[in-house]
Amino acid sequence: GGAPEIEMSQKLASFANSVEGIQQYCIKEFASALEVVPYTLAENAGLHPIRMVTELRNRHKQGERNAGLNVKRGTVVSDIAANESVMQPLLVSQSAVTLATETVRAVLKIDDVINCMR
């Protein structure tokens, strides 16, 4: 697991380099937040989360787009979908990212309103 989130994280981090100012910072932090999913997955499986996410990140940088965590074996495998028959529905990932984005936007709007009232 964690392959889509790491891939999205790396694509966003790369995109952030083409943006300037506060937007760049926001995009990089959003990309970093996506790595919480594989980190939590590794942690809940009793694996060393930092080591697993670092290896997963490196495998994706090498072009292994489908590399993911195999929590049963405690390793990162090159193609989690083909080798381990693990499928993650697009709608699940899309809904999670959309909900997280909407939540952050709502919190930021509330923060802006509070700052304006001071």
N, C-alpha and C. Protein backbone atom coordinates (compact mmCIF):
# COMPACT_ATOMS: atom_id res chain seq x y z
N GLY A 1 0.81 -1.18 0.00
CA GLY A 1 0.00 0.00 0.00
C GLY A 1 0.86 1.26 0.00
N GLY A 2 0.23 2.37 -0.15
CA GLY A 2 0.92 3.66 -0.10
C GLY A 2 1.48 4.14 -1.43
N ALA A 3 1.38 3.32 -2.47
CA ALA A 3 1.95 3.71 -3.76
C ALA A 3 1.31 4.97 -4.34
N PRO A 4 0.00 5.09 -4.36
CA PRO A 4 -0.59 6.30 -4.96
C PRO A 4 -0.23 7.57 -4.19
N GLU A 5 -0.18 7.47 -2.87
CA GLU A 5 0.10 8.65 -2.06
C GLU A 5 1.54 9.14 -2.24
N ILE A 6 2.48 8.20 -2.29
CA ILE A 6 3.88 8.59 -2.50
C ILE A 6 4.05 9.18 -3.90
N GLU A 7 3.41 8.58 -4.88
CA GLU A 7 3.51 9.09 -6.26
C GLU A 7 2.94 10.50 -6.34
N MET A 8 1.76 10.73 -5.74
CA MET A 8 1.16 12.06 -5.73
C MET A 8 2.06 13.05 -5.00
N SER A 9 2.64 12.60 -3.89
CA SER A 9 3.52 13.45 -3.11
C SER A 9 4.71 13.92 -3.93
N GLN A 10 5.32 13.01 -4.65
CA GLN A 10 6.49 13.37 -5.45
C GLN A 10 6.12 14.27 -6.63
N LYS A 11 4.99 14.02 -7.25
CA LYS A 11 4.56 14.88 -8.36
C LYS A 11 4.27 16.29 -7.86
N LEU A 12 3.61 16.40 -6.72
CA LEU A 12 3.31 17.72 -6.16
C LEU A 12 4.58 18.46 -5.74
N ALA A 13 5.52 17.74 -5.13
CA ALA A 13 6.78 18.36 -4.71
C ALA A 13 7.55 18.88 -5.92
N SER A 14 7.51 18.13 -7.00
CA SER A 14 8.17 18.56 -8.23
C SER A 14 7.47 19.79 -8.81
N PHE A 15 6.14 19.77 -8.80
CA PHE A 15 5.36 20.92 -9.28
C PHE A 15 5.64 22.16 -8.44
N ALA A 16 5.81 21.98 -7.15
CA ALA A 16 6.05 23.11 -6.24
C ALA A 16 7.30 23.89 -6.62
N ASN A 17 8.26 23.21 -7.22
CA ASN A 17 9.49 23.90 -7.63
C ASN A 17 9.27 24.89 -8.76
N SER A 18 8.14 24.76 -9.45
CA SER A 18 7.84 25.68 -10.55
C SER A 18 6.97 26.85 -10.10
N VAL A 19 6.62 26.86 -8.81
CA VAL A 19 5.75 27.91 -8.25
C VAL A 19 6.58 28.74 -7.27
N GLU A 20 6.22 30.00 -7.13
CA GLU A 20 6.97 30.87 -6.22
C GLU A 20 6.10 31.34 -5.07
N GLY A 21 6.76 31.82 -4.04
CA GLY A 21 6.07 32.45 -2.92
C GLY A 21 5.42 31.48 -1.97
N ILE A 22 4.39 31.96 -1.30
CA ILE A 22 3.69 31.19 -0.27
C ILE A 22 3.01 29.96 -0.87
N GLN A 23 2.63 30.05 -2.15
CA GLN A 23 1.99 28.90 -2.79
C GLN A 23 2.94 27.71 -2.86
N GLN A 24 4.22 27.98 -3.10
CA GLN A 24 5.21 26.91 -3.15
C GLN A 24 5.28 26.19 -1.81
N TYR A 25 5.30 26.96 -0.75
CA TYR A 25 5.36 26.39 0.59
C TYR A 25 4.12 25.52 0.87
N CYS A 26 2.96 26.02 0.51
CA CYS A 26 1.71 25.28 0.73
C CYS A 26 1.69 23.98 -0.05
N ILE A 27 2.12 24.01 -1.29
CA ILE A 27 2.13 22.81 -2.12
C ILE A 27 3.11 21.78 -1.57
N LYS A 28 4.28 22.24 -1.13
CA LYS A 28 5.27 21.31 -0.56
C LYS A 28 4.76 20.67 0.72
N GLU A 29 4.08 21.44 1.54
CA GLU A 29 3.54 20.89 2.79
C GLU A 29 2.40 19.90 2.51
N PHE A 30 1.59 20.18 1.51
CA PHE A 30 0.52 19.25 1.13
C PHE A 30 1.14 17.95 0.64
N ALA A 31 2.20 18.07 -0.16
CA ALA A 31 2.90 16.88 -0.66
C ALA A 31 3.47 16.07 0.50
N SER A 32 4.03 16.75 1.46
CA SER A 32 4.58 16.08 2.64
C SER A 32 3.49 15.38 3.44
N ALA A 33 2.34 16.01 3.53
CA ALA A 33 1.22 15.43 4.29
C ALA A 33 0.73 14.13 3.67
N LEU A 34 0.85 13.99 2.36
CA LEU A 34 0.41 12.75 1.72
C LEU A 34 1.24 11.54 2.16
N GLU A 35 2.46 11.80 2.60
CA GLU A 35 3.33 10.70 3.05
C GLU A 35 2.89 10.12 4.39
N VAL A 36 1.95 10.76 5.05
CA VAL A 36 1.43 10.24 6.31
C VAL A 36 0.72 8.90 6.10
N VAL A 37 0.12 8.71 4.94
CA VAL A 37 -0.62 7.47 4.68
C VAL A 37 0.30 6.25 4.72
N PRO A 38 1.37 6.18 3.91
CA PRO A 38 2.24 5.01 4.01
C PRO A 38 2.97 4.93 5.35
N TYR A 39 3.27 6.08 5.94
CA TYR A 39 3.93 6.10 7.25
C TYR A 39 3.05 5.41 8.30
N THR A 40 1.77 5.79 8.31
CA THR A 40 0.82 5.21 9.26
C THR A 40 0.59 3.73 8.97
N LEU A 41 0.52 3.38 7.70
CA LEU A 41 0.36 1.98 7.32
C LEU A 41 1.53 1.15 7.85
N ALA A 42 2.74 1.63 7.66
CA ALA A 42 3.93 0.90 8.15
C ALA A 42 3.93 0.83 9.67
N GLU A 43 3.61 1.94 10.29
CA GLU A 43 3.60 1.99 11.75
C GLU A 43 2.57 1.02 12.34
N ASN A 44 1.38 1.00 11.77
CA ASN A 44 0.32 0.11 12.25
C ASN A 44 0.64 -1.36 12.01
N ALA A 45 1.49 -1.63 11.04
CA ALA A 45 1.89 -3.02 10.74
C ALA A 45 3.08 -3.45 11.59
N GLY A 46 3.57 -2.57 12.44
CA GLY A 46 4.70 -2.91 13.30
C GLY A 46 6.05 -2.81 12.60
N LEU A 47 6.08 -2.10 11.47
CA LEU A 47 7.33 -1.93 10.73
C LEU A 47 7.99 -0.62 11.14
N HIS A 48 9.21 -0.41 10.72
CA HIS A 48 9.92 0.84 10.99
C HIS A 48 9.45 1.85 9.95
N PRO A 49 8.56 2.78 10.33
CA PRO A 49 7.93 3.66 9.33
C PRO A 49 8.90 4.57 8.58
N ILE A 50 9.89 5.11 9.25
CA ILE A 50 10.82 6.01 8.57
C ILE A 50 11.61 5.25 7.50
N ARG A 51 12.08 4.07 7.86
CA ARG A 51 12.84 3.26 6.91
C ARG A 51 11.97 2.85 5.72
N MET A 52 10.73 2.45 5.99
CA MET A 52 9.84 2.00 4.92
C MET A 52 9.48 3.14 3.97
N VAL A 53 9.14 4.30 4.51
CA VAL A 53 8.74 5.43 3.67
C VAL A 53 9.94 5.94 2.88
N THR A 54 11.12 5.93 3.49
CA THR A 54 12.32 6.35 2.77
C THR A 54 12.60 5.43 1.60
N GLU A 55 12.50 4.13 1.83
CA GLU A 55 12.73 3.18 0.74
C GLU A 55 11.65 3.33 -0.34
N LEU A 56 10.42 3.49 0.09
CA LEU A 56 9.31 3.66 -0.86
C LEU A 56 9.52 4.92 -1.70
N ARG A 57 9.93 6.00 -1.05
CA ARG A 57 10.20 7.25 -1.75
C ARG A 57 11.32 7.07 -2.79
N ASN A 58 12.38 6.38 -2.38
CA ASN A 58 13.50 6.14 -3.30
C ASN A 58 13.10 5.28 -4.49
N ARG A 59 12.30 4.27 -4.25
CA ARG A 59 11.86 3.39 -5.35
C ARG A 59 11.02 4.18 -6.36
N HIS A 60 10.18 5.08 -5.86
CA HIS A 60 9.36 5.89 -6.76
C HIS A 60 10.23 6.87 -7.54
N LYS A 61 11.26 7.41 -6.91
CA LYS A 61 12.17 8.31 -7.61
C LYS A 61 12.93 7.59 -8.71
N GLN A 62 13.12 6.28 -8.55
CA GLN A 62 13.80 5.47 -9.56
C GLN A 62 12.85 5.05 -10.68
N GLY A 63 11.59 5.47 -10.60
CA GLY A 63 10.64 5.18 -11.66
C GLY A 63 9.69 4.03 -11.40
N GLU A 64 9.76 3.43 -10.23
CA GLU A 64 8.85 2.32 -9.89
C GLU A 64 7.54 2.91 -9.36
N ARG A 65 6.68 3.34 -10.27
CA ARG A 65 5.44 4.03 -9.91
C ARG A 65 4.48 3.19 -9.09
N ASN A 66 4.56 1.87 -9.20
CA ASN A 66 3.63 1.00 -8.49
C ASN A 66 4.24 0.36 -7.25
N ALA A 67 5.42 0.81 -6.86
CA ALA A 67 6.07 0.26 -5.66
C ALA A 67 5.23 0.62 -4.44
N GLY A 68 5.04 -0.36 -3.57
CA GLY A 68 4.24 -0.13 -2.38
C GLY A 68 4.69 -1.02 -1.23
N LEU A 69 4.12 -0.78 -0.07
CA LEU A 69 4.46 -1.55 1.11
C LEU A 69 3.73 -2.88 1.12
N ASN A 70 4.47 -3.93 1.38
CA ASN A 70 3.87 -5.24 1.63
C ASN A 70 3.99 -5.46 3.13
N VAL A 71 2.90 -5.22 3.84
CA VAL A 71 2.94 -5.29 5.30
C VAL A 71 3.07 -6.72 5.82
N LYS A 72 2.66 -7.69 5.02
CA LYS A 72 2.81 -9.09 5.44
C LYS A 72 4.27 -9.52 5.44
N ARG A 73 5.01 -9.07 4.45
CA ARG A 73 6.43 -9.42 4.35
C ARG A 73 7.34 -8.40 5.03
N GLY A 74 6.82 -7.21 5.26
CA GLY A 74 7.61 -6.16 5.88
C GLY A 74 8.63 -5.55 4.94
N THR A 75 8.27 -5.47 3.65
CA THR A 75 9.19 -4.94 2.66
C THR A 75 8.45 -4.01 1.69
N VAL A 76 9.23 -3.37 0.86
CA VAL A 76 8.68 -2.59 -0.25
C VAL A 76 8.81 -3.47 -1.48
N VAL A 77 7.72 -3.66 -2.21
CA VAL A 77 7.75 -4.47 -3.42
C VAL A 77 7.55 -3.57 -4.64
N SER A 78 8.11 -3.99 -5.76
CA SER A 78 8.13 -3.12 -6.94
C SER A 78 6.78 -2.90 -7.60
N ASP A 79 5.91 -3.88 -7.57
CA ASP A 79 4.59 -3.71 -8.18
C ASP A 79 3.56 -4.37 -7.29
N ILE A 80 3.06 -3.61 -6.34
CA ILE A 80 2.14 -4.13 -5.32
C ILE A 80 0.86 -4.67 -5.94
N ALA A 81 0.40 -4.08 -7.03
CA ALA A 81 -0.85 -4.52 -7.66
C ALA A 81 -0.67 -5.87 -8.35
N ALA A 82 0.40 -6.03 -9.11
CA ALA A 82 0.59 -7.25 -9.88
C ALA A 82 1.11 -8.40 -9.02
N ASN A 83 2.08 -8.11 -8.18
CA ASN A 83 2.72 -9.17 -7.41
C ASN A 83 1.91 -9.63 -6.20
N GLU A 84 1.18 -8.74 -5.61
CA GLU A 84 0.49 -9.06 -4.36
C GLU A 84 -1.03 -9.01 -4.49
N SER A 85 -1.52 -8.74 -5.67
CA SER A 85 -2.97 -8.63 -5.92
C SER A 85 -3.64 -7.61 -5.00
N VAL A 86 -2.95 -6.51 -4.76
CA VAL A 86 -3.50 -5.43 -3.94
C VAL A 86 -4.01 -4.35 -4.89
N MET A 87 -5.27 -4.04 -4.77
CA MET A 87 -5.87 -3.01 -5.60
C MET A 87 -6.45 -1.93 -4.70
N GLN A 88 -6.25 -0.70 -5.07
CA GLN A 88 -6.81 0.41 -4.33
C GLN A 88 -7.71 1.19 -5.29
N PRO A 89 -9.01 1.18 -5.03
CA PRO A 89 -9.92 1.88 -5.94
C PRO A 89 -9.60 3.37 -6.05
N LEU A 90 -9.62 3.87 -7.26
CA LEU A 90 -9.34 5.29 -7.51
C LEU A 90 -10.28 6.18 -6.71
N LEU A 91 -11.54 5.79 -6.62
CA LEU A 91 -12.52 6.61 -5.93
C LEU A 91 -12.15 6.82 -4.46
N VAL A 92 -11.55 5.80 -3.83
CA VAL A 92 -11.15 5.91 -2.43
C VAL A 92 -10.07 6.98 -2.28
N SER A 93 -9.03 6.88 -3.08
CA SER A 93 -7.93 7.86 -3.00
C SER A 93 -8.42 9.25 -3.38
N GLN A 94 -9.21 9.33 -4.42
CA GLN A 94 -9.72 10.62 -4.88
C GLN A 94 -10.58 11.27 -3.81
N SER A 95 -11.44 10.50 -3.18
CA SER A 95 -12.31 11.04 -2.12
C SER A 95 -11.50 11.50 -0.92
N ALA A 96 -10.49 10.73 -0.54
CA ALA A 96 -9.66 11.08 0.62
C ALA A 96 -8.91 12.39 0.37
N VAL A 97 -8.33 12.53 -0.81
CA VAL A 97 -7.58 13.76 -1.13
C VAL A 97 -8.53 14.95 -1.23
N THR A 98 -9.67 14.76 -1.83
CA THR A 98 -10.65 15.84 -1.96
C THR A 98 -11.14 16.30 -0.59
N LEU A 99 -11.48 15.35 0.28
CA LEU A 99 -11.96 15.69 1.62
C LEU A 99 -10.87 16.40 2.42
N ALA A 100 -9.64 15.92 2.34
CA ALA A 100 -8.53 16.56 3.06
C ALA A 100 -8.32 17.99 2.56
N THR A 101 -8.39 18.17 1.26
CA THR A 101 -8.21 19.50 0.67
C THR A 101 -9.31 20.45 1.11
N GLU A 102 -10.54 19.99 1.08
CA GLU A 102 -11.66 20.82 1.49
C GLU A 102 -11.57 21.18 2.97
N THR A 103 -11.10 20.25 3.78
CA THR A 103 -10.94 20.52 5.21
C THR A 103 -9.90 21.59 5.45
N VAL A 104 -8.77 21.49 4.78
CA VAL A 104 -7.71 22.49 4.93
C VAL A 104 -8.20 23.86 4.48
N ARG A 105 -8.90 23.90 3.37
CA ARG A 105 -9.41 25.18 2.88
C ARG A 105 -10.39 25.80 3.89
N ALA A 106 -11.23 24.98 4.50
CA ALA A 106 -12.18 25.49 5.49
C ALA A 106 -11.46 26.04 6.71
N VAL A 107 -10.44 25.33 7.17
CA VAL A 107 -9.67 25.80 8.33
C VAL A 107 -8.97 27.11 8.00
N LEU A 108 -8.39 27.21 6.82
CA LEU A 108 -7.71 28.44 6.43
C LEU A 108 -8.68 29.62 6.32
N LYS A 109 -9.89 29.36 5.83
CA LYS A 109 -10.89 30.43 5.74
C LYS A 109 -11.28 30.92 7.13
N ILE A 110 -11.47 29.98 8.06
CA ILE A 110 -11.82 30.34 9.44
C ILE A 110 -10.69 31.16 10.06
N ASP A 111 -9.45 30.73 9.80
CA ASP A 111 -8.28 31.45 10.33
C ASP A 111 -8.23 32.86 9.77
N ASP A 112 -8.54 33.05 8.50
CA ASP A 112 -8.55 34.37 7.88
C ASP A 112 -9.62 35.25 8.54
N VAL A 113 -10.78 34.70 8.80
CA VAL A 113 -11.88 35.46 9.42
C VAL A 113 -11.47 35.90 10.83
N ILE A 114 -10.86 35.00 11.58
CA ILE A 114 -10.43 35.33 12.95
C ILE A 114 -9.36 36.42 12.92
N ASN A 115 -8.40 36.33 11.98
CA ASN A 115 -7.35 37.34 11.87
C ASN A 115 -7.91 38.70 11.48
N CYS A 116 -8.95 38.70 10.64
CA CYS A 116 -9.57 39.97 10.21
C CYS A 116 -10.33 40.63 11.36
N MET A 117 -10.82 39.84 12.29
CA MET A 117 -11.60 40.37 13.40
C MET A 117 -10.70 40.98 14.48
N ARG A 118 -9.44 40.65 14.47
CA ARG A 118 -8.53 41.18 15.51
C ARG A 118 -8.15 42.59 15.28
